Amino acid sequence: MEDIQKFTFSVYTENNIGILNRLSAIFLKRHINIESMTVSKSEIDDVHRFTFVVNITKSQADKLIGQLEKQIEVIRAYSHTEDEIIYQETALFKISSKHLYDEDLQKRLKFRRASIVTVTPDYFVIEASGLKEEIDNMYDKLKPYGLMQFVRSGRIAVSRSQMAISELLQEIN
């Protein structure tokens, strides 16, 4: 029996209305839970990049690539294991300003990739980036200060090896 592992999918698409719905429906039909998802423009003009993170087997990942690439707007889809990518998440933590000068809080921020991005009389906002586990750890450390709001991005990732998406698009044009 195959082991379940974490895969990150990079899906390059045309920027058409409804593409997110069609792509997520592919995961839904296969009962695959999306752990994280981000969408952004890519390194190529007029091409968007969807990044999905899921826990599945290698054979499921291979089948999923085929299904994703059947969508007319999908230019190319890639799957990556954890060791094939460099990845990060970003998070924002909103905390009451009464804790701004707390020495313990200041020490916690010094040892992490975190910075204060906004200060008002009522609150301040900390931005942090790192691996999912690092963001989770920071959340646990900041929770006692009474988080007013918390939000995190999905995974953003680049492959360690070159993906030939630019060359592929040049061939198409």
C-alpha atoms as a PDB file:
ATOM      1  CA  MET A   1       0.000   0.000   0.000  1.00  0.00           C
ATOM      2  CA  GLU A   2       1.302   3.434  -0.956  1.00  0.00           C
ATOM      3  CA  ASP A   3       2.196   5.987   1.669  1.00  0.00           C
ATOM      4  CA  ILE A   4       0.296   9.246   1.886  1.00  0.00           C
ATOM      5  CA  GLN A   5       2.571  12.256   1.632  1.00  0.00           C
ATOM      6  CA  LYS A   6       2.285  15.995   1.205  1.00  0.00           C
ATOM      7  CA  PHE A   7       2.274  17.225  -2.400  1.00  0.00           C
ATOM      8  CA  THR A   8       2.371  20.803  -3.623  1.00  0.00           C
ATOM      9  CA  PHE A   9       0.749  21.351  -7.024  1.00  0.00           C
ATOM     10  CA  SER A  10       1.680  24.297  -9.232  1.00  0.00           C
ATOM     11  CA  VAL A  11      -1.020  24.818 -11.828  1.00  0.00           C
ATOM     12  CA  TYR A  12      -0.462  27.424 -14.550  1.00  0.00           C
ATOM     13  CA  THR A  13      -3.670  28.694 -16.132  1.00  0.00           C
ATOM     14  CA  GLU A  14      -5.214  31.337 -18.298  1.00  0.00           C
ATOM     15  CA  ASN A  15      -6.988  33.957 -16.189  1.00  0.00           C
ATOM     16  CA  ASN A  16     -10.601  33.004 -16.892  1.00  0.00           C
ATOM     17  CA  ILE A  17     -13.718  33.420 -14.780  1.00  0.00           C
ATOM     18  CA  GLY A  18     -14.679  30.214 -12.974  1.00  0.00           C
ATOM     19  CA  ILE A  19     -11.313  28.464 -13.232  1.00  0.00           C
ATOM     20  CA  LEU A  20     -10.914  28.290  -9.448  1.00  0.00           C
ATOM     21  CA  ASN A  21     -14.275  26.548  -9.165  1.00  0.00           C
ATOM     22  CA  ARG A  22     -13.404  24.033 -11.881  1.00  0.00           C
ATOM     23  CA  LEU A  23      -9.996  23.252 -10.389  1.00  0.00           C
ATOM     24  CA  SER A  24     -11.288  22.840  -6.833  1.00  0.00           C
ATOM     25  CA  ALA A  25     -14.102  20.599  -8.151  1.00  0.00           C
ATOM     26  CA  ILE A  26     -11.446  18.167  -9.413  1.00  0.00           C
ATOM     27  CA  PHE A  27     -10.179  17.762  -5.835  1.00  0.00           C
ATOM     28  CA  LEU A  28     -13.742  17.545  -4.474  1.00  0.00           C
ATOM     29  CA  LYS A  29     -14.767  14.777  -6.878  1.00  0.00           C
ATOM     30  CA  ARG A  30     -11.822  12.696  -5.689  1.00  0.00           C
ATOM     31  CA  HIS A  31     -12.508  13.408  -1.983  1.00  0.00           C
ATOM     32  CA  ILE A  32      -9.139  15.152  -1.631  1.00  0.00           C
ATOM     33  CA  ASN A  33      -9.021  17.818   1.056  1.00  0.00           C
ATOM     34  CA  ILE A  34      -7.091  20.941   0.067  1.00  0.00           C
ATOM     35  CA  GLU A  35      -4.859  21.867   3.006  1.00  0.00           C
ATOM     36  CA  SER A  36      -3.798  25.200   1.531  1.00  0.00           C
ATOM     37  CA  MET A  37      -4.293  27.164  -1.666  1.00  0.00           C
ATOM     38  CA  THR A  38      -2.877  30.379  -3.096  1.00  0.00           C
ATOM     39  CA  VAL A  39      -3.343  32.122  -6.412  1.00  0.00           C
ATOM     40  CA  SER A  40      -1.151  34.782  -7.971  1.00  0.00           C
ATOM     41  CA  LYS A  41       0.098  36.047 -11.246  1.00  0.00           C
ATOM     42  CA  SER A  42       3.084  34.080 -12.447  1.00  0.00           C
ATOM     43  CA  GLU A  43       6.415  34.955 -13.972  1.00  0.00           C
ATOM     44  CA  ILE A  44       4.624  34.961 -17.349  1.00  0.00           C
ATOM     45  CA  ASP A  45       2.288  37.791 -18.424  1.00  0.00           C
ATOM     46  CA  ASP A  46      -1.419  36.863 -18.426  1.00  0.00           C
ATOM     47  CA  VAL A  47      -0.739  33.473 -16.798  1.00  0.00           C
ATOM     48  CA  HIS A  48      -1.833  32.747 -13.237  1.00  0.00           C
ATOM     49  CA  ARG A  49      -0.363  30.201 -10.859  1.00  0.00           C
ATOM     50  CA  PHE A  50      -2.484  28.198  -8.432  1.00  0.00           C
ATOM     51  CA  THR A  51      -0.629  26.459  -5.609  1.00  0.00           C
ATOM     52  CA  PHE A  52      -2.515  23.620  -3.907  1.00  0.00           C
ATOM     53  CA  VAL A  53      -1.213  21.570  -0.970  1.00  0.00           C
ATOM     54  CA  VAL A  54      -2.757  18.138  -0.364  1.00  0.00           C
ATOM     55  CA  ASN A  55      -1.966  14.867   1.411  1.00  0.00           C
ATOM     56  CA  ILE A  56      -2.289  11.986  -1.062  1.00  0.00           C
ATOM     57  CA  THR A  57      -0.374   9.052  -2.526  1.00  0.00           C
ATOM     58  CA  LYS A  58       2.044   9.318  -5.461  1.00  0.00           C
ATOM     59  CA  SER A  59      -0.351   7.494  -7.779  1.00  0.00           C
ATOM     60  CA  GLN A  60      -3.175   9.874  -6.786  1.00  0.00           C
ATOM     61  CA  ALA A  61      -0.852  12.818  -7.504  1.00  0.00           C
ATOM     62  CA  ASP A  62      -0.044  11.459 -10.956  1.00  0.00           C
ATOM     63  CA  LYS A  63      -3.750  10.971 -11.766  1.00  0.00           C
ATOM     64  CA  LEU A  64      -4.573  14.427 -10.425  1.00  0.00           C
ATOM     65  CA  ILE A  65      -2.033  16.037 -12.771  1.00  0.00           C
ATOM     66  CA  GLY A  66      -3.786  14.365 -15.708  1.00  0.00           C
ATOM     67  CA  GLN A  67      -7.195  15.562 -14.562  1.00  0.00           C
ATOM     68  CA  LEU A  68      -6.007  19.131 -13.967  1.00  0.00           C
ATOM     69  CA  GLU A  69      -4.369  19.318 -17.387  1.00  0.00           C
ATOM     70  CA  LYS A  70      -7.618  18.220 -19.072  1.00  0.00           C
ATOM     71  CA  GLN A  71      -9.092  21.621 -18.185  1.00  0.00           C
ATOM     72  CA  ILE A  72      -8.961  23.804 -21.294  1.00  0.00           C
ATOM     73  CA  GLU A  73      -7.548  26.820 -19.404  1.00  0.00           C
ATOM     74  CA  VAL A  74      -4.759  24.827 -17.728  1.00  0.00           C
ATOM     75  CA  ILE A  75      -1.473  25.334 -19.523  1.00  0.00           C
ATOM     76  CA  ARG A  76       0.541  22.947 -17.362  1.00  0.00           C
ATOM     77  CA  ALA A  77       0.353  21.354 -13.916  1.00  0.00           C
ATOM     78  CA  TYR A  78       3.243  20.100 -11.795  1.00  0.00           C
ATOM     79  CA  SER A  79       3.352  18.139  -8.542  1.00  0.00           C
ATOM     80  CA  HIS A  80       6.199  18.388  -6.061  1.00  0.00           C
ATOM     81  CA  THR A  81       7.148  16.530  -2.914  1.00  0.00           C
ATOM     82  CA  GLU A  82       8.400  18.467   0.112  1.00  0.00           C
ATOM     83  CA  ASP A  83      12.081  18.031  -0.773  1.00  0.00           C
ATOM     84  CA  GLU A  84      11.548  19.316  -4.340  1.00  0.00           C
ATOM     85  CA  ILE A  85      10.437  22.823  -3.330  1.00  0.00           C
ATOM     86  CA  ILE A  86      11.338  25.870  -1.278  1.00  0.00           C
ATOM     87  CA  TYR A  87       8.239  27.126   0.500  1.00  0.00           C
ATOM     88  CA  GLN A  88       6.947  29.619   3.055  1.00  0.00           C
ATOM     89  CA  GLU A  89       3.767  30.990   4.580  1.00  0.00           C
ATOM     90  CA  THR A  90       3.050  34.485   5.824  1.00  0.00           C
ATOM     91  CA  ALA A  91       0.853  35.450   8.755  1.00  0.00           C
ATOM     92  CA  LEU A  92      -0.484  38.617  10.386  1.00  0.00           C
ATOM     93  CA  PHE A  93      -1.169  38.815  14.128  1.00  0.00           C
ATOM     94  CA  LYS A  94      -3.197  41.746  15.519  1.00  0.00           C
ATOM     95  CA  ILE A  95      -2.601  42.363  19.241  1.00  0.00           C
ATOM     96  CA  SER A  96      -3.759  45.034  21.689  1.00  0.00           C
ATOM     97  CA  SER A  97      -1.310  47.942  22.010  1.00  0.00           C
ATOM     98  CA  LYS A  98      -1.193  47.460  25.780  1.00  0.00           C
ATOM     99  CA  HIS A  99       1.287  44.599  25.067  1.00  0.00           C
ATOM    100  CA  LEU A 100       3.507  46.575  22.668  1.00  0.00           C
ATOM    101  CA  TYR A 101       6.302  47.188  25.184  1.00  0.00           C
ATOM    102  CA  ASP A 102       6.069  43.821  26.942  1.00  0.00           C
ATOM    103  CA  GLU A 103       9.695  42.618  27.262  1.00  0.00           C
ATOM    104  CA  ASP A 104       8.759  38.940  26.936  1.00  0.00           C
ATOM    105  CA  LEU A 105       6.880  39.641  23.710  1.00  0.00           C
ATOM    106  CA  GLN A 106       9.807  41.660  22.339  1.00  0.00           C
ATOM    107  CA  LYS A 107      12.190  38.753  23.057  1.00  0.00           C
ATOM    108  CA  ARG A 108       9.903  36.322  21.238  1.00  0.00           C
ATOM    109  CA  LEU A 109       9.869  38.542  18.161  1.00  0.00           C
ATOM    110  CA  LYS A 110      13.666  38.892  18.028  1.00  0.00           C
ATOM    111  CA  PHE A 111      14.220  35.169  17.549  1.00  0.00           C
ATOM    112  CA  ARG A 112      11.764  34.745  14.684  1.00  0.00           C
ATOM    113  CA  ARG A 113      11.320  36.145  11.216  1.00  0.00           C
ATOM    114  CA  ALA A 114       8.790  38.636  12.469  1.00  0.00           C
ATOM    115  CA  SER A 115       8.364  42.378  12.429  1.00  0.00           C
ATOM    116  CA  ILE A 116       5.834  44.941  13.564  1.00  0.00           C
ATOM    117  CA  VAL A 117       4.236  46.439  10.455  1.00  0.00           C
ATOM    118  CA  THR A 118       1.597  48.748  11.956  1.00  0.00           C
ATOM    119  CA  VAL A 119       1.153  50.475  15.317  1.00  0.00           C
ATOM    120  CA  THR A 120      -1.961  52.394  16.391  1.00  0.00           C
ATOM    121  CA  PRO A 121      -3.110  53.541  19.832  1.00  0.00           C
ATOM    122  CA  ASP A 122      -5.396  50.478  20.028  1.00  0.00           C
ATOM    123  CA  TYR A 123      -3.416  47.678  18.401  1.00  0.00           C
ATOM    124  CA  PHE A 124      -0.281  46.648  16.554  1.00  0.00           C
ATOM    125  CA  VAL A 125       0.200  44.119  13.774  1.00  0.00           C
ATOM    126  CA  ILE A 126       3.025  41.614  13.541  1.00  0.00           C
ATOM    127  CA  GLU A 127       3.943  40.043  10.206  1.00  0.00           C
ATOM    128  CA  ALA A 128       5.819  36.742  10.223  1.00  0.00           C
ATOM    129  CA  SER A 129       6.950  34.328   7.562  1.00  0.00           C
ATOM    130  CA  GLY A 130       8.213  30.786   7.771  1.00  0.00           C
ATOM    131  CA  LEU A 131       7.223  27.172   7.552  1.00  0.00           C
ATOM    132  CA  LYS A 132       3.721  26.139   8.636  1.00  0.00           C
ATOM    133  CA  GLU A 133       5.107  24.739  11.883  1.00  0.00           C
ATOM    134  CA  GLU A 134       6.913  28.023  12.632  1.00  0.00           C
ATOM    135  CA  ILE A 135       3.723  30.030  12.073  1.00  0.00           C
ATOM    136  CA  ASP A 136       1.807  27.568  14.277  1.00  0.00           C
ATOM    137  CA  ASN A 137       4.474  27.934  16.984  1.00  0.00           C
ATOM    138  CA  MET A 138       4.307  31.728  16.795  1.00  0.00           C
ATOM    139  CA  TYR A 139       0.517  31.558  17.042  1.00  0.00           C
ATOM    140  CA  ASP A 140       0.830  29.480  20.236  1.00  0.00           C
ATOM    141  CA  LYS A 141       3.339  31.961  21.689  1.00  0.00           C
ATOM    142  CA  LEU A 142       1.228  35.030  20.855  1.00  0.00           C
ATOM    143  CA  LYS A 143      -2.174  33.606  21.824  1.00  0.00           C
ATOM    144  CA  PRO A 144      -1.692  34.432  25.556  1.00  0.00           C
ATOM    145  CA  TYR A 145      -1.446  38.123  24.580  1.00  0.00           C
ATOM    146  CA  GLY A 146      -5.040  38.047  23.363  1.00  0.00           C
ATOM    147  CA  LEU A 147      -4.964  37.882  19.589  1.00  0.00           C
ATOM    148  CA  MET A 148      -7.509  40.325  18.232  1.00  0.00           C
ATOM    149  CA  GLN A 149      -7.170  38.873  14.727  1.00  0.00           C
ATOM    150  CA  PHE A 150      -5.051  36.257  12.986  1.00  0.00           C
ATOM    151  CA  VAL A 151      -4.733  35.390   9.303  1.00  0.00           C
ATOM    152  CA  ARG A 152      -2.251  33.294   7.354  1.00  0.00           C
ATOM    153  CA  SER A 153      -1.555  32.807   3.700  1.00  0.00           C
ATOM    154  CA  GLY A 154      -1.521  29.466   2.028  1.00  0.00           C
ATOM    155  CA  ARG A 155       1.799  27.996   1.022  1.00  0.00           C
ATOM    156  CA  ILE A 156       3.820  29.801  -1.579  1.00  0.00           C
ATOM    157  CA  ALA A 157       6.486  27.714  -3.242  1.00  0.00           C
ATOM    158  CA  VAL A 158       9.093  27.594  -5.961  1.00  0.00           C
ATOM    159  CA  SER A 159      10.621  24.406  -7.282  1.00  0.00           C
ATOM    160  CA  ARG A 160      14.247  23.586  -6.623  1.00  0.00           C
ATOM    161  CA  SER A 161      14.619  22.413 -10.219  1.00  0.00           C
ATOM    162  CA  GLN A 162      13.735  24.472 -13.260  1.00  0.00           C
ATOM    163  CA  MET A 163      10.174  24.090 -14.491  1.00  0.00           C
ATOM    164  CA  ALA A 164      10.016  24.469 -18.250  1.00  0.00           C
ATOM    165  CA  ILE A 165       6.817  26.508 -18.253  1.00  0.00           C
ATOM    166  CA  SER A 166       8.374  29.541 -20.002  1.00  0.00           C
ATOM    167  CA  GLU A 167       9.830  27.388 -22.770  1.00  0.00           C
ATOM    168  CA  LEU A 168       6.519  25.577 -23.154  1.00  0.00           C
ATOM    169  CA  LEU A 169       4.685  28.877 -23.638  1.00  0.00           C
ATOM    170  CA  GLN A 170       7.227  30.058 -26.209  1.00  0.00           C
ATOM    171  CA  GLU A 171       6.597  26.875 -28.203  1.00  0.00           C
ATOM    172  CA  ILE A 172       2.824  27.470 -28.097  1.00  0.00           C
ATOM    173  CA  ASN A 173       3.093  31.086 -29.318  1.00  0.00           C
END
